[in-house]
Amino acid sequence: MKRTLSAVEARKKLGEILEGVYYRGDEVVIERAGKPMAVVIPARLYENIERTRRRFWELVEASWEKNKDVPFKVIQAEVDEAVKEVRRERRRQSAK
């Protein structure tokens, strides 16, 4: 269950929040003056997010390394063509 609590309420109910997050997979947004300040999520979800983030940066770094000697204009032209192809494919899919 996703819910939002004020910081004061979260402080009073920390034990309850932790149990809900751990046992039910709750996600709790903690606000101060109506502004989201933090989110309490299950540790397994956080670990998945971290794993995904690490993998993303590994792919970015591998791409940088692979393309370090390729001129920017060549990379830009390839990216532009890839974007056009995706847009053509989406138009084809939406026309069906």
N, C-alpha and C. Protein backbone atom coordinates (compact mmCIF):
# COMPACT_ATOMS: atom_id res chain seq x y z
N MET A 1 0.85 -1.17 0.00
CA MET A 1 0.00 0.00 0.00
C MET A 1 0.89 1.24 0.00
N LYS A 2 0.55 2.19 -0.84
CA LYS A 2 1.28 3.45 -0.87
C LYS A 2 0.51 4.47 -0.03
N ARG A 3 1.24 5.19 0.80
CA ARG A 3 0.58 6.22 1.60
C ARG A 3 1.55 7.35 1.89
N THR A 4 1.01 8.46 2.35
CA THR A 4 1.79 9.64 2.66
C THR A 4 1.54 10.03 4.09
N LEU A 5 2.62 10.36 4.80
CA LEU A 5 2.52 10.80 6.19
C LEU A 5 3.35 12.05 6.40
N SER A 6 2.95 12.85 7.36
CA SER A 6 3.78 13.99 7.75
C SER A 6 4.98 13.46 8.53
N ALA A 7 6.02 14.26 8.62
CA ALA A 7 7.22 13.85 9.36
C ALA A 7 6.88 13.60 10.83
N VAL A 8 6.01 14.41 11.41
CA VAL A 8 5.62 14.23 12.81
C VAL A 8 4.90 12.90 12.98
N GLU A 9 3.97 12.61 12.08
CA GLU A 9 3.22 11.36 12.15
C GLU A 9 4.16 10.16 11.95
N ALA A 10 5.10 10.29 11.02
CA ALA A 10 6.05 9.21 10.76
C ALA A 10 6.91 8.94 11.99
N ARG A 11 7.32 9.99 12.67
CA ARG A 11 8.14 9.83 13.87
C ARG A 11 7.36 9.07 14.95
N LYS A 12 6.08 9.39 15.07
CA LYS A 12 5.25 8.72 16.08
C LYS A 12 4.97 7.27 15.74
N LYS A 13 4.94 6.96 14.43
CA LYS A 13 4.53 5.62 14.00
C LYS A 13 5.66 4.85 13.31
N LEU A 14 6.90 5.15 13.63
CA LEU A 14 8.02 4.53 12.93
C LEU A 14 7.97 3.01 12.97
N GLY A 15 7.71 2.44 14.11
CA GLY A 15 7.64 0.98 14.22
C GLY A 15 6.57 0.39 13.31
N GLU A 16 5.41 1.00 13.32
CA GLU A 16 4.30 0.55 12.47
C GLU A 16 4.66 0.68 10.99
N ILE A 17 5.30 1.77 10.64
CA ILE A 17 5.72 1.99 9.25
C ILE A 17 6.71 0.91 8.82
N LEU A 18 7.71 0.65 9.65
CA LEU A 18 8.72 -0.35 9.31
C LEU A 18 8.09 -1.74 9.14
N GLU A 19 7.17 -2.10 10.01
CA GLU A 19 6.50 -3.40 9.88
C GLU A 19 5.70 -3.48 8.59
N GLY A 20 4.97 -2.41 8.26
CA GLY A 20 4.19 -2.39 7.02
C GLY A 20 5.07 -2.48 5.79
N VAL A 21 6.19 -1.79 5.83
CA VAL A 21 7.12 -1.83 4.70
C VAL A 21 7.73 -3.22 4.57
N TYR A 22 8.14 -3.80 5.67
CA TYR A 22 8.81 -5.10 5.64
C TYR A 22 7.85 -6.24 5.30
N TYR A 23 6.72 -6.30 5.99
CA TYR A 23 5.83 -7.44 5.85
C TYR A 23 4.83 -7.32 4.70
N ARG A 24 4.36 -6.11 4.39
CA ARG A 24 3.35 -5.95 3.35
C ARG A 24 3.89 -5.31 2.08
N GLY A 25 5.12 -4.80 2.14
CA GLY A 25 5.67 -4.13 0.97
C GLY A 25 5.15 -2.72 0.79
N ASP A 26 4.67 -2.10 1.89
CA ASP A 26 4.18 -0.72 1.81
C ASP A 26 5.28 0.22 1.32
N GLU A 27 4.87 1.31 0.73
CA GLU A 27 5.76 2.40 0.34
C GLU A 27 5.19 3.66 0.98
N VAL A 28 6.00 4.35 1.76
CA VAL A 28 5.51 5.49 2.54
C VAL A 28 6.30 6.74 2.19
N VAL A 29 5.57 7.76 1.72
CA VAL A 29 6.17 9.07 1.45
C VAL A 29 6.06 9.89 2.72
N ILE A 30 7.18 10.47 3.13
CA ILE A 30 7.19 11.31 4.33
C ILE A 30 7.35 12.76 3.89
N GLU A 31 6.38 13.58 4.33
CA GLU A 31 6.35 14.98 3.93
C GLU A 31 6.60 15.90 5.11
N ARG A 32 7.13 17.06 4.80
CA ARG A 32 7.25 18.14 5.78
C ARG A 32 6.68 19.38 5.10
N ALA A 33 5.69 19.98 5.72
CA ALA A 33 5.01 21.16 5.18
C ALA A 33 4.47 20.87 3.78
N GLY A 34 3.96 19.64 3.58
CA GLY A 34 3.37 19.27 2.31
C GLY A 34 4.37 18.94 1.21
N LYS A 35 5.66 18.99 1.52
CA LYS A 35 6.70 18.71 0.53
C LYS A 35 7.30 17.32 0.78
N PRO A 36 7.29 16.45 -0.23
CA PRO A 36 7.89 15.12 -0.04
C PRO A 36 9.37 15.24 0.30
N MET A 37 9.78 14.61 1.40
CA MET A 37 11.16 14.69 1.86
C MET A 37 11.90 13.36 1.73
N ALA A 38 11.17 12.25 1.87
CA ALA A 38 11.79 10.93 1.81
C ALA A 38 10.72 9.89 1.52
N VAL A 39 11.19 8.72 1.11
CA VAL A 39 10.29 7.59 0.88
C VAL A 39 10.90 6.38 1.57
N VAL A 40 10.07 5.66 2.32
CA VAL A 40 10.49 4.42 2.95
C VAL A 40 9.94 3.29 2.09
N ILE A 41 10.86 2.46 1.57
CA ILE A 41 10.48 1.35 0.70
C ILE A 41 11.11 0.06 1.21
N PRO A 42 10.58 -1.08 0.80
CA PRO A 42 11.18 -2.35 1.22
C PRO A 42 12.64 -2.45 0.76
N ALA A 43 13.46 -3.07 1.58
CA ALA A 43 14.89 -3.21 1.26
C ALA A 43 15.08 -3.94 -0.06
N ARG A 44 14.27 -4.95 -0.35
CA ARG A 44 14.44 -5.71 -1.60
C ARG A 44 14.18 -4.82 -2.81
N LEU A 45 13.23 -3.89 -2.71
CA LEU A 45 12.96 -2.95 -3.80
C LEU A 45 14.14 -2.01 -3.97
N TYR A 46 14.66 -1.51 -2.87
CA TYR A 46 15.83 -0.63 -2.92
C TYR A 46 17.02 -1.36 -3.56
N GLU A 47 17.22 -2.62 -3.19
CA GLU A 47 18.33 -3.40 -3.76
C GLU A 47 18.15 -3.57 -5.27
N ASN A 48 16.91 -3.78 -5.71
CA ASN A 48 16.64 -3.88 -7.15
C ASN A 48 16.94 -2.57 -7.86
N ILE A 49 16.56 -1.47 -7.25
CA ILE A 49 16.82 -0.16 -7.83
C ILE A 49 18.33 0.07 -7.94
N GLU A 50 19.06 -0.26 -6.89
CA GLU A 50 20.52 -0.09 -6.90
C GLU A 50 21.17 -0.98 -7.95
N ARG A 51 20.71 -2.21 -8.08
CA ARG A 51 21.26 -3.13 -9.08
C ARG A 51 21.01 -2.57 -10.49
N THR A 52 19.81 -2.07 -10.72
CA THR A 52 19.46 -1.49 -12.02
C THR A 52 20.31 -0.26 -12.29
N ARG A 53 20.50 0.59 -11.29
CA ARG A 53 21.31 1.79 -11.44
C ARG A 53 22.76 1.44 -11.79
N ARG A 54 23.31 0.45 -11.07
CA ARG A 54 24.69 0.03 -11.35
C ARG A 54 24.82 -0.50 -12.78
N ARG A 55 23.86 -1.33 -13.18
CA ARG A 55 23.90 -1.89 -14.53
C ARG A 55 23.79 -0.80 -15.58
N PHE A 56 22.93 0.17 -15.36
CA PHE A 56 22.79 1.29 -16.29
C PHE A 56 24.14 1.99 -16.48
N TRP A 57 24.81 2.32 -15.37
CA TRP A 57 26.08 3.04 -15.48
C TRP A 57 27.18 2.17 -16.08
N GLU A 58 27.12 0.86 -15.86
CA GLU A 58 28.07 -0.04 -16.53
C GLU A 58 27.88 0.04 -18.04
N LEU A 59 26.62 0.05 -18.49
CA LEU A 59 26.34 0.14 -19.92
C LEU A 59 26.76 1.49 -20.48
N VAL A 60 26.52 2.56 -19.73
CA VAL A 60 26.93 3.89 -20.18
C VAL A 60 28.45 3.95 -20.33
N GLU A 61 29.16 3.46 -19.32
CA GLU A 61 30.62 3.48 -19.37
C GLU A 61 31.15 2.62 -20.51
N ALA A 62 30.54 1.47 -20.74
CA ALA A 62 30.95 0.60 -21.85
C ALA A 62 30.72 1.31 -23.18
N SER A 63 29.61 2.01 -23.28
CA SER A 63 29.32 2.76 -24.51
C SER A 63 30.33 3.87 -24.72
N TRP A 64 30.66 4.59 -23.64
CA TRP A 64 31.67 5.65 -23.75
C TRP A 64 33.00 5.08 -24.24
N GLU A 65 33.38 3.96 -23.64
CA GLU A 65 34.66 3.34 -24.01
C GLU A 65 34.64 2.88 -25.47
N LYS A 66 33.56 2.26 -25.86
CA LYS A 66 33.45 1.74 -27.23
C LYS A 66 33.48 2.87 -28.26
N ASN A 67 32.95 4.02 -27.90
CA ASN A 67 32.82 5.13 -28.85
C ASN A 67 33.79 6.28 -28.62
N LYS A 68 34.80 6.05 -27.81
CA LYS A 68 35.70 7.16 -27.45
C LYS A 68 36.43 7.76 -28.66
N ASP A 69 36.65 6.97 -29.70
CA ASP A 69 37.36 7.48 -30.87
C ASP A 69 36.44 7.82 -32.03
N VAL A 70 35.14 7.74 -31.80
CA VAL A 70 34.18 8.05 -32.86
C VAL A 70 33.83 9.54 -32.78
N PRO A 71 33.91 10.24 -33.90
CA PRO A 71 33.58 11.68 -33.90
C PRO A 71 32.13 11.92 -33.45
N PHE A 72 31.93 13.02 -32.75
CA PHE A 72 30.61 13.37 -32.23
C PHE A 72 29.57 13.41 -33.34
N LYS A 73 29.91 13.97 -34.50
CA LYS A 73 28.95 14.09 -35.60
C LYS A 73 28.45 12.72 -36.06
N VAL A 74 29.32 11.73 -36.06
CA VAL A 74 28.93 10.38 -36.46
C VAL A 74 27.95 9.80 -35.43
N ILE A 75 28.27 9.96 -34.16
CA ILE A 75 27.39 9.46 -33.10
C ILE A 75 26.04 10.14 -33.18
N GLN A 76 26.05 11.47 -33.36
CA GLN A 76 24.79 12.23 -33.43
C GLN A 76 23.94 11.77 -34.61
N ALA A 77 24.57 11.52 -35.74
CA ALA A 77 23.83 11.06 -36.92
C ALA A 77 23.20 9.70 -36.66
N GLU A 78 23.93 8.80 -36.00
CA GLU A 78 23.38 7.49 -35.69
C GLU A 78 22.23 7.57 -34.69
N VAL A 79 22.37 8.43 -33.71
CA VAL A 79 21.30 8.62 -32.72
C VAL A 79 20.07 9.19 -33.41
N ASP A 80 20.26 10.20 -34.26
CA ASP A 80 19.13 10.80 -34.98
C ASP A 80 18.40 9.76 -35.81
N GLU A 81 19.16 8.91 -36.50
CA GLU A 81 18.54 7.87 -37.33
C GLU A 81 17.79 6.86 -36.47
N ALA A 82 18.35 6.49 -35.34
CA ALA A 82 17.68 5.55 -34.44
C ALA A 82 16.37 6.14 -33.92
N VAL A 83 16.38 7.41 -33.57
CA VAL A 83 15.16 8.08 -33.09
C VAL A 83 14.10 8.09 -34.19
N LYS A 84 14.51 8.41 -35.42
CA LYS A 84 13.56 8.42 -36.53
C LYS A 84 12.95 7.04 -36.74
N GLU A 85 13.78 6.00 -36.65
CA GLU A 85 13.29 4.63 -36.84
C GLU A 85 12.27 4.25 -35.76
N VAL A 86 12.55 4.61 -34.52
CA VAL A 86 11.61 4.31 -33.43
C VAL A 86 10.30 5.05 -33.67
N ARG A 87 10.38 6.29 -34.09
CA ARG A 87 9.15 7.06 -34.35
C ARG A 87 8.36 6.47 -35.51
N ARG A 88 9.06 6.02 -36.57
CA ARG A 88 8.36 5.37 -37.69
C ARG A 88 7.66 4.11 -37.21
N GLU A 89 8.34 3.33 -36.40
CA GLU A 89 7.76 2.09 -35.89
C GLU A 89 6.53 2.38 -35.02
N ARG A 90 6.62 3.41 -34.18
CA ARG A 90 5.47 3.76 -33.34
C ARG A 90 4.28 4.22 -34.18
N ARG A 91 4.57 4.96 -35.24
CA ARG A 91 3.48 5.39 -36.13
C ARG A 91 2.83 4.17 -36.80
N ARG A 92 3.68 3.22 -37.22
CA ARG A 92 3.14 1.99 -37.83
C ARG A 92 2.27 1.23 -36.84
N GLN A 93 2.74 1.14 -35.60
CA GLN A 93 1.98 0.42 -34.57
C GLN A 93 0.65 1.11 -34.26
N SER A 94 0.67 2.43 -34.19
CA SER A 94 -0.57 3.15 -33.84
C SER A 94 -1.55 3.17 -35.01
N ALA A 95 -1.07 2.96 -36.23
CA ALA A 95 -1.95 2.95 -37.41
C ALA A 95 -2.71 1.62 -37.53
N LYS A 96 -2.25 0.62 -36.82
CA LYS A 96 -2.90 -0.71 -36.90
C LYS A 96 -4.21 -0.73 -36.18
